[in-house]
Amino acid sequence: MRTKEGCIFCDKNNISTEFVYEDDLVMAFLDFDPINEGHVLLVPKEHYLDVDEMPDELLSHLMIVSKKIAKAIKETYSPDGYSIMQNGGVFNDIGHYHLHIFPRFKGDGFGWTSGEGKKSCGKEVAAKLRAAIER
């Protein structure tokens, strides 16, 4: 199994919160610093930093399990919505891929900011991305 020395998610004994799901490939547990009650982290047992490093089969499995967790969140909390998100690269503060799944409520204070200045969303941007996807 692919692990990294010193990674807190590579050894499940480091997880101090409650587990909500586990199978041979992934584990899911409550976030120790939740956005809202019911905030779950879904983590592959093998060490990967980012989504683009993972095999497609594992990535597919993560999304199937995230759907189960989202359904459980909806059933348990009756939220106004939910968020499923992952931070990559230097924004992955743990250094091990993890997917955040959490209930959302109007006025919960969690938001999305786009920073300063207008960003391009035109043909040139789309053409650059299409070319990279096709490679």
Protein backbone atom coordinates (compact mmCIF):
# COMPACT_ATOMS: atom_id res chain seq x y z
CA MET A 1 0.00 0.00 0.00
CA ARG A 2 1.24 3.47 -0.93
CA THR A 3 1.87 5.49 2.27
CA LYS A 4 3.99 8.45 3.30
CA GLU A 5 6.03 8.61 6.49
CA GLY A 6 4.63 11.19 8.90
CA CYS A 7 1.30 11.64 7.07
CA ILE A 8 -1.50 11.80 9.63
CA PHE A 9 -4.05 10.25 7.26
CA CYS A 10 -1.82 7.32 6.23
CA ASP A 11 -2.27 5.78 9.69
CA LYS A 12 -5.89 5.70 10.75
CA ASN A 13 -4.80 5.49 14.39
CA ASN A 14 -3.96 9.21 14.05
CA ILE A 15 -7.63 10.04 13.46
CA SER A 16 -9.11 11.29 16.73
CA THR A 17 -12.70 11.82 15.55
CA GLU A 18 -15.44 9.30 14.86
CA PHE A 19 -15.51 7.21 11.69
CA VAL A 20 -18.74 7.18 9.68
CA TYR A 21 -17.66 4.83 6.85
CA GLU A 22 -14.79 2.53 5.95
CA ASP A 23 -14.03 -0.09 3.31
CA ASP A 24 -10.87 -1.54 1.76
CA LEU A 25 -10.08 1.63 -0.23
CA VAL A 26 -11.38 4.63 1.71
CA MET A 27 -12.29 5.89 5.15
CA ALA A 28 -14.62 8.70 6.17
CA PHE A 29 -14.64 10.46 9.51
CA LEU A 30 -15.92 13.63 11.12
CA ASP A 31 -13.80 16.75 10.55
CA PHE A 32 -12.22 17.90 13.83
CA ASP A 33 -12.87 21.55 12.84
CA PRO A 34 -16.22 21.36 11.01
CA ILE A 35 -17.87 24.05 8.88
CA ASN A 36 -21.19 22.66 10.15
CA GLU A 37 -22.22 19.64 12.22
CA GLY A 38 -21.98 16.56 10.00
CA HIS A 39 -18.84 17.75 8.15
CA VAL A 40 -17.13 14.58 6.90
CA LEU A 41 -13.68 14.00 5.40
CA LEU A 42 -13.48 11.19 2.84
CA VAL A 43 -9.92 9.93 2.44
CA PRO A 44 -8.27 7.23 0.31
CA LYS A 45 -6.27 4.81 2.44
CA GLU A 46 -3.37 5.03 0.00
CA HIS A 47 -1.37 8.25 -0.04
CA TYR A 48 -2.09 10.72 -2.83
CA LEU A 49 -1.72 14.49 -2.69
CA ASP A 50 -4.04 15.49 -5.52
CA VAL A 51 -6.91 14.19 -7.62
CA ASP A 52 -4.78 14.00 -10.79
CA GLU A 53 -2.44 11.46 -9.14
CA MET A 54 -5.14 8.93 -8.31
CA PRO A 55 -6.09 5.94 -10.46
CA ASP A 56 -9.47 6.36 -12.16
CA GLU A 57 -10.93 3.35 -10.32
CA LEU A 58 -10.15 4.87 -6.93
CA LEU A 59 -11.45 8.26 -7.98
CA SER A 60 -14.69 6.66 -9.19
CA HIS A 61 -15.04 4.82 -5.89
CA LEU A 62 -14.49 8.05 -3.93
CA MET A 63 -17.31 9.73 -5.84
CA ILE A 64 -19.67 6.78 -5.28
CA VAL A 65 -18.95 6.86 -1.54
CA SER A 66 -19.30 10.67 -1.48
CA LYS A 67 -22.80 10.21 -2.92
CA LYS A 68 -23.69 7.83 -0.05
CA ILE A 69 -22.39 10.33 2.49
CA ALA A 70 -24.23 13.24 0.85
CA LYS A 71 -27.47 11.22 0.97
CA ALA A 72 -26.89 10.47 4.66
CA ILE A 73 -26.23 14.16 5.35
CA LYS A 74 -29.46 15.14 3.57
CA GLU A 75 -31.44 12.52 5.49
CA THR A 76 -29.90 13.38 8.87
CA TYR A 77 -29.78 17.19 8.75
CA SER A 78 -32.36 18.28 6.12
CA PRO A 79 -29.94 21.01 5.00
CA ASP A 80 -30.63 23.74 2.46
CA GLY A 81 -27.88 22.10 0.40
CA TYR A 82 -24.47 20.54 0.77
CA SER A 83 -20.93 21.10 -0.46
CA ILE A 84 -18.44 18.58 -1.78
CA MET A 85 -14.99 20.05 -2.28
CA GLN A 86 -11.27 19.35 -2.34
CA ASN A 87 -8.28 21.69 -2.10
CA GLY A 88 -5.28 20.77 -4.23
CA GLY A 89 -1.59 21.60 -4.28
CA VAL A 90 -0.39 24.02 -1.61
CA PHE A 91 -4.01 24.53 -0.55
CA ASN A 92 -4.20 20.91 0.64
CA ASP A 93 -3.16 21.67 4.21
CA ILE A 94 -2.89 17.99 5.23
CA GLY A 95 -0.77 16.81 2.28
CA HIS A 96 -3.04 13.78 1.70
CA TYR A 97 -6.04 13.92 -0.66
CA HIS A 98 -9.29 14.40 1.21
CA LEU A 99 -12.75 15.33 0.10
CA HIS A 100 -14.88 17.60 2.29
CA ILE A 101 -18.59 16.75 2.38
CA PHE A 102 -20.75 18.92 4.61
CA PRO A 103 -24.30 20.20 5.04
CA ARG A 104 -25.02 23.81 4.12
CA PHE A 105 -27.59 26.12 5.64
CA LYS A 106 -28.63 29.61 4.60
CA GLY A 107 -26.65 32.07 6.71
CA ASP A 108 -24.06 29.49 7.84
CA GLY A 109 -21.24 31.93 7.04
CA PHE A 110 -19.40 29.66 4.62
CA GLY A 111 -18.78 31.49 1.37
CA TRP A 112 -16.95 31.66 -1.91
CA THR A 113 -14.88 34.73 -2.76
CA SER A 114 -13.25 35.30 -6.12
CA GLY A 115 -10.60 37.83 -5.16
CA GLU A 116 -9.74 41.14 -6.80
CA GLY A 117 -10.30 42.01 -10.44
CA LYS A 118 -12.30 40.59 -13.30
CA LYS A 119 -11.28 37.14 -14.55
CA SER A 120 -11.48 36.08 -18.19
CA CYS A 121 -13.98 33.38 -19.11
CA GLY A 122 -13.87 33.69 -22.89
CA LYS A 123 -12.84 31.69 -25.94
CA GLU A 124 -9.08 31.96 -25.31
CA VAL A 125 -9.38 30.45 -21.85
CA ALA A 126 -11.60 27.64 -23.13
CA ALA A 127 -9.22 26.94 -26.04
CA LYS A 128 -6.20 26.64 -23.70
CA LEU A 129 -8.05 24.22 -21.43
CA ARG A 130 -9.44 22.14 -24.30
CA ALA A 131 -5.92 21.77 -25.72
CA ALA A 132 -4.56 20.62 -22.36
CA ILE A 133 -7.43 18.15 -21.88
CA GLU A 134 -6.82 16.64 -25.33
CA ARG A 135 -3.11 16.00 -24.62
